[in-house]
Amino acid sequence: DGPGCAVGVVRSGSLVHARGFGIGNLDHGIPITPRSVFYLASVAKQFTAAAVLIAAHEGALSLDDSLHRWIPEFPEWGRPVTLRQMLHHTSGIPDFLLLMQRDGIPWENILTDEAALALITSQPGTDFPPGTETRYSNSNYLLLGEIIRRATGRTLAQFAEARIFRPLGMTHTHFHDDRTAVVPGRIFSYDAGPDGTWRTNYNMNFDRVGGGGLYSSVEDLARWEGAFLDDRLGVPGFAALMLQRGVLDSGDSTDYALGLGIGSRGGRLRVAHGGGFMAFRTSRVWYPDERLAVVVLCNDGSADAAALSREVEETLLDP
């Protein structure tokens, strides 16, 4: 009777198990299915990273370009920041979402790209010298989305549609940069109120993209696996490039690749990213050597999508 999750298991690029649990729209009693369209939150970052990689392959930009090459109005904060450092969260650029919280800016406010950029550039400097540390910052991917626009002449939404979603047949996936746009199949997210009844937790006004802002479904995310299996996006060695870890000035590798966290489970390479915004909780986990992926998308703010994914992984890998 309440919100829930959609779960998918992908093997060798094929969706072998998909099921929805719970209700996607409590106002109308619409159930969650593998086709339900969720807000993915930070799971979006891997798609922004892929767009940057494709643009680099096409010669529109280089991962070693400086931020200032593409956004010259950005303040001089000392050492140059590169796109590669932004992809790996080693740039030191402050997180605009944390700045919003600090300054008491309500999530319900309409935040333009210009306002977000102004908030970031008003800071006295980077949080640390670029390349010396790793610190997750949504600003990195927001700015990468803007760089895609300036380098290619297309918005991130347009570029990703043409270069990623359409070639892969991801017909229910898009970067939502227009808050007024209709999203077929969209579901809403919910939190339990103090009295135990469900309350809608959904912000129609927030439409910044790059670090988030992506809508998709379990069925579409199964198609995303195809990009990693056979270079369908036209970038030779796409999967290996996406899995390249960041490297600090010290020579130490980080555990963050291009929009993907790198880890292990039982000696197996485990690539994962989660997301949480409003009351959406999302997770995508990929085992490259096993050609296995698990997707969990939830619209219940109390759900732990990562924990649910681990339960599915345990069943599949350790029967």
Foldseek 3Di string as FASTA:
>chain_A
DAWWKWKFKAFLLRTPDIAFDGAQAPVVRHTDGLFAKEFFFQLQQLLLLLLVVVCVVVVLDHQQDFLCVQVVVQDCQDDTAGLQLLQQQQQQQAALVVLCVVVVPDPQDQADLVNSSCSRSVDNHGNDHRQADHDDHLVSQLSSQSSSCRSPVDGSQVSSVVQPCVLLVQPQKTQQQDLPDDRPNYGFAWEQDPVRHIDTQDHSRDRRDRSTRMMGGNVSVSSNLVCLNPVSRVDPPSNVQQCDFDAGPVRDTDQGGRSWGWDDDPNFIKIKDWRADRQKTWIWIAGVVRSMIMIMIIRYNVDHRVVVRVVVVCVVPPD
